[in-house]
Amino acid sequence: MRIPVRVLSLLVLIVMTRLAPSVRADDRQGESPRLVVIVVIDQLRADYLTRFEPWFGDDGFRRLFREGAHFANAHFTSSASATAPGHATIATGANPRVHGIVGNKWFMDTGTTQSQYAVYDDACDGVPSSERGGSHRSPRRLGARTLGDQMKLADRRTRVVSIALKDRAAIFLGGRLADTAIWWDFGAGKWVSSSFYGDALPAYVTTLNNEDPTKRFAGYVWRPLTPESAREGAYPLETAWHPMIEQLGLHFPHALPERNEAMLGAFHDAMTATPAGIEVTLDLVERAIAAEELGRDDVPDLLCVGFSSNDLVGHFFGPQSAEVMDMTVQTDRQIARLLEMLDKQVGPDRYILALAADHGVAATPEVTRRLNLPGGLYDPRQLGVDLNGRLQAQFFDVAGAENGERLIVVGVEVPWIYFNMPLVNTLPVERRKAFFDSAVDYLRAREFITDAFGPDTLAGAAPPESDMGRLLAWNSWNPENAGQVCLQIRPGWKKRDANLAGHNGGSAPERHVPILLRAKGIAPGRYHGAASPCDIVVTLSALLGIEPPNCAQGRVLSEAIPPR
């Protein structure tokens, strides 16, 4: 029987219509990624993802475990464990020796106590100009290209957007060529930027600011998601040691101060030290994905997101606290929220996501003291005063003369000690060597210092990997911004400052961070081989098929990428 042409045509049309959705889905699965997402969770030590996993949901970290690679043995390979160098290393794939960001701030080589914030730039104004939080900020001090810079070089149509509460997090993740970098004005409770990126905020940011992004958190109470039985093993605070603790309270539940005109500044500060700080960040991220049309065309874009609130919780309550445990579980729920918005707005197979931390954290001396473990607090200011007096007596005092006090040690910004180099350089070469030898000998004799490294080590040839302490110091040093001596703090000791917990000593827990990588084609699993945050952008570049940033020192994490 012959089928009429009109009937045959109709049958073909029906078949094609039924097949069309699956064809489009197959085509989409074959597409290369159109959005790269880098999430950096401030002070998320690597063991948090394994210790607190029983209380995670299925759609956050566990989804990343199921669909991606978890590198559980990743360590920074420098001792500069702070927000600015950590984010700079993740973004560039290089150590501070190369990218130049040796700390959150450093002392200038002027023979004075003048210091410089890592993202300070007096050529830039705040945007909007009425808010102080954006003034004098830019990435100009970053001495290496970022992944965003490299993606822009590969295709000028790439969009690079970076968002975090902390300015140094947003600025260094985005790099020099970022289209948009937005951070939080902690005093005003609004999102701000710098004239480095343009004369006005993107319209969607202005709209959110006008809606008052913190209004919905009036009356907010941080109630734990973790059961009480899980929190029994934590170490609670014994005293309200900081004004922030007085505002939030010693123990759960933690209520924010009243949101009224008189308490607005305190409200904004306290809010960022709770899970609400992550929520307000993702409120902006969600609008940015839509308004910037990230991942919508055939050109890969980059979205960088910093979760800064985890660091504040860690500093105020300590890594052994119930608050850090619950903050990690709350973060898990916010990761689920982020993944859901990426699935809906971009498509589950159209984005790559890398997650890491900028540094870890050491145990708090208050807890270790209760357990009779070695350690304690030391005073970096007093260390500088004592060292100054010793070196003056040895190298600058004149016998029989009235010797006024000289400024020899201009600052201690752990792990760095900065000297008055215009003065030190007046010494003959041999005396100058003796000067630094004496300083290093004195420092090594302190109870809280494991080792100290002077110019001979820092400016010399690279030490072998077997000499880990020396190599960490060498990787941290940069001739423009670093001090002349690098300290390695003895584990268990912490500098006396405004934080309960710290991460400046260069010990393994302060450098141990997770790396999670979710991408189509990644072999899921937990990998225990050595890895480094320097490897992240090198691996992402390989997945994108572009050259890695020009100064990157990491490797492709090829163990998680099956051969094609």
Foldseek 3Di string as FASTA:
>chain_A
DDDDPVVVVVVVVVVCVVCVVVVVVVVVLPAFFFEEEEEAEAQFFLCLCVLLVVLADCQFVVVLLVFWEKASFAFAQALLQEQQQLLLCLFALAFCQQQVCLYQKFAALPLALDIGGQFFAQVKAKAVNVARVAGRGANVSGRFFGLLNQLCVVPVVAAFEFEEQDQSNQHSNRGQPHLYGWHARLQVQAIIHMCSNHNHDPPVRVVCVVVRLCVVCAFPKAAFSDDPVSQPQFDFDDDQPAVLCVQQDRDPTGTAPGCDPVCVSSRSNNCLLALNVLVSRVVVVLVCCVVVVRQPDSRHYYYYYYNHNLNSVCFNTNPRHPRNSRSVNSVRVSSSVVQVSCCVSNNNANYKYKYKYSWHWAGFLVVCVVVVHDEEADAQVVVLVVLQVVLCVVPPDDPPDDDDRRQFFSDCDAQATAGNVVVLVVDPPVVSVVSQVVSQVVQCPDPFFVGKDFQCLQVHDQDDVVVSVSNNPNSSDYVRGGHGMGTATDGRYDYDDNTRIDQRRSDRRGGRMMIRIRHPQFANDYDHDYAYSSQNQCQVCVSVVGHRIPNNDGHHPCVRHDDD
